[in-house]
N, C-alpha and C. Protein backbone atom coordinates (compact mmCIF):
# COMPACT_ATOMS: atom_id res chain seq x y z
N UNK A 1 -20.57 -8.38 7.86
CA UNK A 1 -19.04 -8.57 7.50
C UNK A 1 -18.20 -7.69 8.66
N UNK A 2 -17.26 -7.86 9.16
CA UNK A 2 -16.92 -7.37 10.09
C UNK A 2 -15.50 -6.33 9.36
N UNK A 3 -14.99 -5.41 10.16
CA UNK A 3 -13.99 -4.44 9.86
C UNK A 3 -13.13 -5.39 9.44
N UNK A 4 -12.60 -5.56 9.89
CA UNK A 4 -11.15 -6.83 9.59
C UNK A 4 -11.41 -7.30 8.19
N UNK A 5 -12.35 -8.10 7.69
CA UNK A 5 -12.75 -8.37 6.75
C UNK A 5 -12.61 -7.16 5.56
N UNK A 6 -13.53 -6.19 6.12
CA UNK A 6 -14.32 -5.20 4.97
C UNK A 6 -12.55 -4.54 4.52
N UNK A 7 -11.90 -4.42 5.61
CA UNK A 7 -10.67 -3.68 5.32
C UNK A 7 -9.41 -4.68 4.22
N UNK A 8 -9.83 -6.26 4.52
CA UNK A 8 -8.69 -7.36 3.49
C UNK A 8 -9.31 -7.25 2.32
N UNK A 9 -10.59 -6.90 2.16
CA UNK A 9 -11.47 -6.77 0.93
C UNK A 9 -11.09 -5.26 -0.17
N UNK A 10 -10.94 -4.50 0.85
CA UNK A 10 -10.33 -3.21 0.07
C UNK A 10 -9.10 -3.20 -0.25
N UNK A 11 -8.30 -3.98 0.19
CA UNK A 11 -7.09 -4.00 0.08
C UNK A 11 -7.06 -4.82 -1.37
N UNK A 12 -7.66 -5.87 -1.77
CA UNK A 12 -7.64 -6.88 -2.72
C UNK A 12 -8.28 -5.80 -3.70
N UNK A 13 -9.35 -5.08 -3.61
CA UNK A 13 -9.97 -4.32 -4.48
C UNK A 13 -9.28 -3.23 -4.69
N UNK A 14 -8.21 -2.54 -4.20
CA UNK A 14 -7.46 -1.51 -4.59
C UNK A 14 -6.60 -1.90 -5.52
N UNK A 15 -5.67 -3.11 -5.46
CA UNK A 15 -4.71 -3.91 -6.11
C UNK A 15 -4.73 -3.95 -7.68
N UNK A 16 -5.47 -4.08 -8.25
CA UNK A 16 -5.18 -3.65 -9.76
C UNK A 16 -5.47 -2.30 -10.17
N UNK A 17 -5.69 -1.35 -9.13
CA UNK A 17 -5.58 -0.13 -9.73
C UNK A 17 -4.15 0.42 -9.30
N UNK A 18 -3.56 -0.53 -8.15
CA UNK A 18 -2.18 -0.21 -7.37
C UNK A 18 -1.60 -0.38 -8.66
N UNK A 19 -1.66 -1.70 -8.96
CA UNK A 19 -0.79 -2.69 -10.01
C UNK A 19 -0.67 -1.84 -11.45
N UNK A 20 -2.01 -1.24 -11.60
CA UNK A 20 -2.11 -0.51 -12.97
C UNK A 20 -0.49 0.80 -12.93
N UNK A 21 -0.99 1.25 -11.88
CA UNK A 21 0.24 2.38 -11.88
C UNK A 21 1.42 1.96 -12.02
N UNK A 22 2.00 0.73 -10.91
CA UNK A 22 3.05 0.00 -10.90
C UNK A 22 3.67 -0.37 -12.35
N UNK A 23 2.71 -1.06 -13.30
CA UNK A 23 2.85 -1.44 -14.20
C UNK A 23 3.37 -0.55 -15.39
N UNK A 24 2.65 0.38 -15.40
CA UNK A 24 3.32 1.59 -16.34
C UNK A 24 3.89 2.22 -16.08
N UNK A 25 4.78 2.24 -14.48
CA UNK A 25 5.88 2.95 -13.95
C UNK A 25 7.00 2.13 -14.52
N UNK A 26 6.94 0.54 -14.04
CA UNK A 26 7.61 -0.36 -14.76
C UNK A 26 8.33 -0.33 -16.18
N UNK A 27 7.20 -0.23 -16.99
CA UNK A 27 7.16 -0.52 -18.21
C UNK A 27 7.80 1.01 -18.88
N UNK A 28 7.41 2.38 -18.27
CA UNK A 28 8.44 3.32 -18.37
C UNK A 28 9.71 3.46 -18.26
N UNK A 29 10.08 2.84 -17.11
CA UNK A 29 11.17 2.81 -16.09
C UNK A 29 12.14 2.01 -17.35
N UNK A 30 11.50 1.11 -17.86
CA UNK A 30 12.30 -0.20 -18.68
C UNK A 30 13.00 0.06 -19.90
N UNK A 31 12.19 1.65 -20.08
CA UNK A 31 12.80 1.73 -21.98
C UNK A 31 13.85 2.75 -21.59
N UNK A 32 14.17 3.20 -20.51
CA UNK A 32 15.31 3.52 -20.30
C UNK A 32 16.30 2.87 -19.90
N UNK A 33 16.12 1.58 -19.42
CA UNK A 33 17.19 0.20 -19.18
C UNK A 33 17.61 -0.46 -20.39
N UNK A 34 16.52 -0.48 -21.40
CA UNK A 34 16.39 -1.20 -22.05
C UNK A 34 17.97 -1.66 -22.80
N UNK A 35 18.42 -2.69 -23.14
CA UNK A 35 19.47 -3.10 -23.93
C UNK A 35 19.29 -4.28 -24.89
N UNK A 36 20.14 -4.66 -25.73
CA UNK A 36 19.71 -5.79 -26.36
C UNK A 36 19.99 -6.98 -26.20
N UNK A 37 19.23 -7.84 -27.01
CA UNK A 37 19.29 -9.32 -26.59
C UNK A 37 18.94 -9.61 -24.74
N UNK A 38 18.95 -10.63 -24.21
CA UNK A 38 19.00 -10.97 -22.95
C UNK A 38 19.69 -10.08 -21.96
N UNK A 39 18.84 -10.26 -20.64
CA UNK A 39 19.28 -9.63 -19.65
C UNK A 39 18.20 -9.45 -18.67
N UNK A 40 18.22 -8.56 -17.93
CA UNK A 40 17.48 -8.16 -16.80
C UNK A 40 15.88 -7.95 -17.13
N UNK A 41 15.47 -7.63 -18.55
CA UNK A 41 14.22 -7.49 -19.07
C UNK A 41 13.86 -9.03 -19.21
N UNK A 42 14.34 -10.02 -19.33
CA UNK A 42 14.08 -11.30 -19.64
C UNK A 42 13.32 -11.69 -18.25
N UNK A 43 13.81 -11.35 -17.33
CA UNK A 43 13.26 -11.51 -15.96
C UNK A 43 12.30 -10.75 -15.42
N UNK A 44 12.29 -9.61 -15.72
CA UNK A 44 11.17 -8.39 -15.77
C UNK A 44 9.82 -8.87 -16.56
N UNK A 45 10.02 -9.46 -17.73
CA UNK A 45 8.86 -9.50 -18.79
C UNK A 45 8.16 -10.87 -17.87
N UNK A 46 8.95 -11.92 -17.15
CA UNK A 46 8.17 -12.87 -16.84
C UNK A 46 7.20 -12.78 -15.38
N UNK A 47 7.98 -11.93 -14.58
CA UNK A 47 7.28 -11.35 -13.34
C UNK A 47 6.07 -10.32 -14.10
N UNK A 48 6.07 -9.67 -15.00
CA UNK A 48 4.96 -8.88 -15.26
C UNK A 48 3.75 -10.01 -15.91
N UNK A 49 4.06 -10.82 -16.65
CA UNK A 49 3.11 -12.07 -16.82
C UNK A 49 2.40 -12.65 -15.83
N UNK A 50 3.39 -12.82 -15.00
CA UNK A 50 2.81 -13.61 -13.54
C UNK A 50 1.72 -13.00 -13.13
N UNK A 51 2.19 -11.45 -12.62
CA UNK A 51 1.59 -10.85 -12.27
C UNK A 51 0.33 -9.90 -12.79
N UNK A 52 0.50 -10.43 -14.24
CA UNK A 52 -0.90 -9.67 -15.19
C UNK A 52 -2.21 -11.09 -14.73
N UNK A 53 -1.12 -12.27 -14.72
CA UNK A 53 -2.54 -13.53 -14.50
C UNK A 53 -2.63 -13.27 -13.37
N UNK A 54 -2.27 -13.25 -12.54
CA UNK A 54 -2.92 -13.21 -10.70
C UNK A 54 -3.73 -12.10 -10.73
N UNK A 55 -3.44 -10.70 -11.33
CA UNK A 55 -4.46 -9.98 -11.07
C UNK A 55 -5.04 -10.12 -11.79
N UNK A 56 -5.40 -10.45 -13.31
CA UNK A 56 -7.20 -10.88 -13.82
C UNK A 56 -7.72 -11.97 -13.48
N UNK A 57 -6.74 -12.80 -12.71
CA UNK A 57 -7.80 -13.55 -11.86
C UNK A 57 -8.13 -13.23 -10.38
N UNK A 58 -7.62 -12.38 -9.84
CA UNK A 58 -8.15 -11.99 -8.50
C UNK A 58 -9.49 -10.94 -9.22
N UNK A 59 -8.90 -9.81 -10.29
CA UNK A 59 -10.23 -9.39 -10.48
C UNK A 59 -11.82 -10.10 -11.30
N UNK A 60 -11.32 -11.43 -11.50
CA UNK A 60 -12.35 -11.84 -11.81
C UNK A 60 -13.12 -12.21 -10.50
N UNK A 61 -12.32 -13.03 -9.77
CA UNK A 61 -12.92 -13.38 -8.34
C UNK A 61 -13.69 -12.31 -7.68
N UNK A 62 -13.15 -11.09 -7.76
CA UNK A 62 -13.76 -9.68 -7.25
C UNK A 62 -15.02 -9.83 -7.53
N UNK A 63 -14.76 -9.90 -8.91
CA UNK A 63 -16.27 -9.29 -9.35
C UNK A 63 -17.43 -10.25 -9.19
N UNK A 64 -17.05 -11.95 -9.24
CA UNK A 64 -17.69 -12.52 -8.97
C UNK A 64 -18.27 -12.12 -7.52
N UNK A 65 -17.27 -12.12 -6.56
CA UNK A 65 -17.59 -11.61 -5.19
C UNK A 65 -19.07 -10.37 -5.03
N UNK A 66 -18.53 -9.42 -5.86
CA UNK A 66 -19.23 -8.13 -5.62
C UNK A 66 -20.85 -8.46 -6.36
N UNK A 67 -20.71 -8.97 -7.43
CA UNK A 67 -22.22 -9.57 -7.95
C UNK A 67 -22.87 -10.35 -7.08
N UNK A 68 -22.59 -11.27 -6.42
CA UNK A 68 -22.90 -12.28 -5.28
C UNK A 68 -23.62 -10.99 -4.33
N UNK A 69 -22.56 -10.60 -3.87
CA UNK A 69 -22.90 -9.46 -2.85
C UNK A 69 -23.85 -8.50 -2.71
N UNK A 70 -23.64 -7.92 -4.14
CA UNK A 70 -24.66 -7.13 -4.60
C UNK A 70 -26.03 -7.64 -4.35
N UNK A 71 -26.21 -9.00 -5.11
CA UNK A 71 -27.86 -9.35 -4.80
C UNK A 71 -28.32 -10.02 -3.74
N UNK A 72 -27.19 -10.43 -2.43
CA UNK A 72 -27.63 -11.20 -1.26
C UNK A 72 -28.04 -9.93 -0.28
N UNK A 73 -27.43 -8.28 -0.73
CA UNK A 73 -27.42 -7.52 0.15
C UNK A 73 -28.82 -6.41 0.08
N UNK A 74 -28.96 -5.90 1.22
CA UNK A 74 -30.27 -5.15 1.30
C UNK A 74 -29.85 -3.67 1.33
N UNK A 75 -28.72 -3.52 1.42
CA UNK A 75 -28.10 -2.14 1.15
C UNK A 75 -28.75 -1.47 0.05
N UNK A 76 -28.71 -2.22 -1.08
CA UNK A 76 -28.55 -1.40 -2.47
C UNK A 76 -30.06 -1.43 -2.59
N UNK A 77 -30.98 -0.63 -3.05
CA UNK A 77 -32.24 -0.64 -3.26
C UNK A 77 -32.40 -1.59 -4.62
N UNK A 78 -33.59 -2.48 -4.45
CA UNK A 78 -33.93 -3.31 -5.52
C UNK A 78 -33.99 -3.00 -7.02
N UNK A 79 -34.44 -1.53 -7.27
CA UNK A 79 -34.45 -0.87 -8.55
C UNK A 79 -32.95 -0.80 -8.81
N UNK A 80 -32.21 -0.74 -8.48
CA UNK A 80 -30.71 -0.24 -8.73
C UNK A 80 -29.65 -1.51 -8.79
N UNK A 81 -30.10 -2.20 -8.17
CA UNK A 81 -29.23 -3.53 -8.48
C UNK A 81 -28.95 -4.20 -9.86
N UNK A 82 -29.82 -3.90 -10.94
CA UNK A 82 -29.40 -4.70 -11.95
C UNK A 82 -28.46 -3.44 -12.69
N UNK A 83 -28.47 -2.19 -12.56
CA UNK A 83 -27.59 -1.17 -12.76
C UNK A 83 -26.25 -1.43 -12.17
N UNK A 84 -26.29 -1.38 -10.77
CA UNK A 84 -24.84 -1.85 -10.09
C UNK A 84 -24.22 -3.14 -10.86
N UNK A 85 -24.97 -4.25 -11.29
CA UNK A 85 -24.69 -5.55 -11.79
C UNK A 85 -23.86 -5.06 -12.88
N UNK A 86 -24.34 -3.96 -13.91
CA UNK A 86 -23.67 -3.80 -14.89
C UNK A 86 -22.82 -2.67 -14.69
N UNK A 87 -22.81 -1.82 -14.05
CA UNK A 87 -21.62 -1.03 -13.67
C UNK A 87 -20.30 -1.59 -13.23
N UNK A 88 -20.58 -2.67 -12.16
CA UNK A 88 -19.55 -3.51 -11.36
C UNK A 88 -18.99 -4.26 -13.02
N UNK A 89 -19.60 -4.81 -13.85
CA UNK A 89 -18.95 -5.69 -14.95
C UNK A 89 -18.24 -4.71 -15.66
N UNK A 90 -18.59 -3.30 -16.36
CA UNK A 90 -18.17 -2.92 -17.24
C UNK A 90 -17.25 -1.96 -17.26
N UNK A 91 -17.40 -1.16 -15.41
CA UNK A 91 -16.30 -0.50 -14.85
C UNK A 91 -15.58 -0.84 -13.71
N UNK A 92 -15.26 -2.22 -13.90
CA UNK A 92 -14.72 -2.93 -12.80
C UNK A 92 -13.67 -2.52 -11.55
N UNK A 93 -12.66 -1.85 -12.26
CA UNK A 93 -11.68 -1.32 -11.77
C UNK A 93 -11.68 0.12 -10.96
N UNK A 94 -13.39 0.44 -11.30
CA UNK A 94 -13.25 1.74 -10.48
C UNK A 94 -14.27 1.64 -10.19
N UNK A 95 -15.31 1.05 -10.43
CA UNK A 95 -16.93 0.63 -9.88
C UNK A 95 -16.29 0.17 -8.82
N UNK A 96 -15.91 -1.12 -8.43
CA UNK A 96 -15.56 -1.76 -7.15
C UNK A 96 -15.58 -1.18 -5.93
N UNK A 97 -14.34 -0.37 -6.24
CA UNK A 97 -14.12 0.80 -4.87
C UNK A 97 -15.03 1.78 -4.46
N UNK A 98 -15.61 1.97 -5.25
CA UNK A 98 -17.05 2.94 -5.09
C UNK A 98 -17.65 2.07 -4.46
N UNK A 99 -18.42 0.99 -5.04
CA UNK A 99 -19.00 -0.07 -4.62
C UNK A 99 -18.59 -0.23 -3.18
N UNK A 100 -17.96 -0.89 -2.77
CA UNK A 100 -16.90 -1.31 -1.37
C UNK A 100 -17.61 -0.23 -0.76
N UNK A 101 -17.19 1.03 -0.84
CA UNK A 101 -17.44 2.30 0.07
C UNK A 101 -18.57 2.39 0.72
N UNK A 102 -19.31 2.65 -0.63
CA UNK A 102 -21.00 2.87 -0.24
C UNK A 102 -21.89 1.70 0.37
N UNK A 103 -21.45 0.32 0.08
CA UNK A 103 -22.38 -0.92 0.24
C UNK A 103 -21.39 -1.52 1.61
N UNK A 104 -20.30 -1.71 1.82
CA UNK A 104 -19.59 -2.16 2.89
C UNK A 104 -19.60 -1.68 3.82
N UNK A 105 -18.37 -0.79 3.35
CA UNK A 105 -17.81 0.13 4.28
C UNK A 105 -18.59 0.94 5.34
N UNK A 106 -19.30 2.00 4.48
CA UNK A 106 -20.79 2.61 5.03
C UNK A 106 -21.64 1.87 5.98
N UNK A 107 -22.14 1.13 5.68
CA UNK A 107 -23.07 0.42 6.55
C UNK A 107 -22.00 -0.26 8.05
N UNK A 108 -20.99 -0.48 7.88
CA UNK A 108 -20.39 -0.91 9.10
C UNK A 108 -20.12 0.64 9.72
N UNK A 109 -19.70 1.52 9.23
CA UNK A 109 -19.48 2.61 10.39
C UNK A 109 -20.99 2.99 11.19
N UNK A 110 -22.27 2.73 9.81
CA UNK A 110 -23.21 3.34 10.70
C UNK A 110 -23.71 2.33 11.68
N UNK A 111 -23.29 0.99 11.37
CA UNK A 111 -23.80 0.01 13.04
C UNK A 111 -22.77 0.10 13.93
N UNK A 112 -21.47 0.90 13.89
CA UNK A 112 -20.63 0.93 14.98
C UNK A 112 -20.81 1.79 15.96
N UNK A 113 -20.78 1.69 17.21
CA UNK A 113 -21.07 2.67 18.26
C UNK A 113 -20.35 3.75 18.22
N UNK A 114 -20.98 5.13 18.59
CA UNK A 114 -19.90 6.29 18.50
C UNK A 114 -19.25 6.23 19.88
């Protein structure tokens, strides 16, 4: 994998974390601007539902990618692959950026000429 692809993967990997904070800020902000009946909140709800669905699909795709990458790479020791698979599955939003840094980005930095 080249650096450009790794950076694009990093952007997709970090999106769920960024989205979580944006979602919380949006919900907290909407509490202050809530009105009865219809209004701008209806549109906000539609956007949130679409973003939630897209983010969940993205996380599922990332999980598949990282698990496949885990079992194809030699960067992770054979005895740690099962552990990493469980960690990626159970703690995906936190574990994926860590895995990306340790096993995708760091090897690219070591292979690059100084």
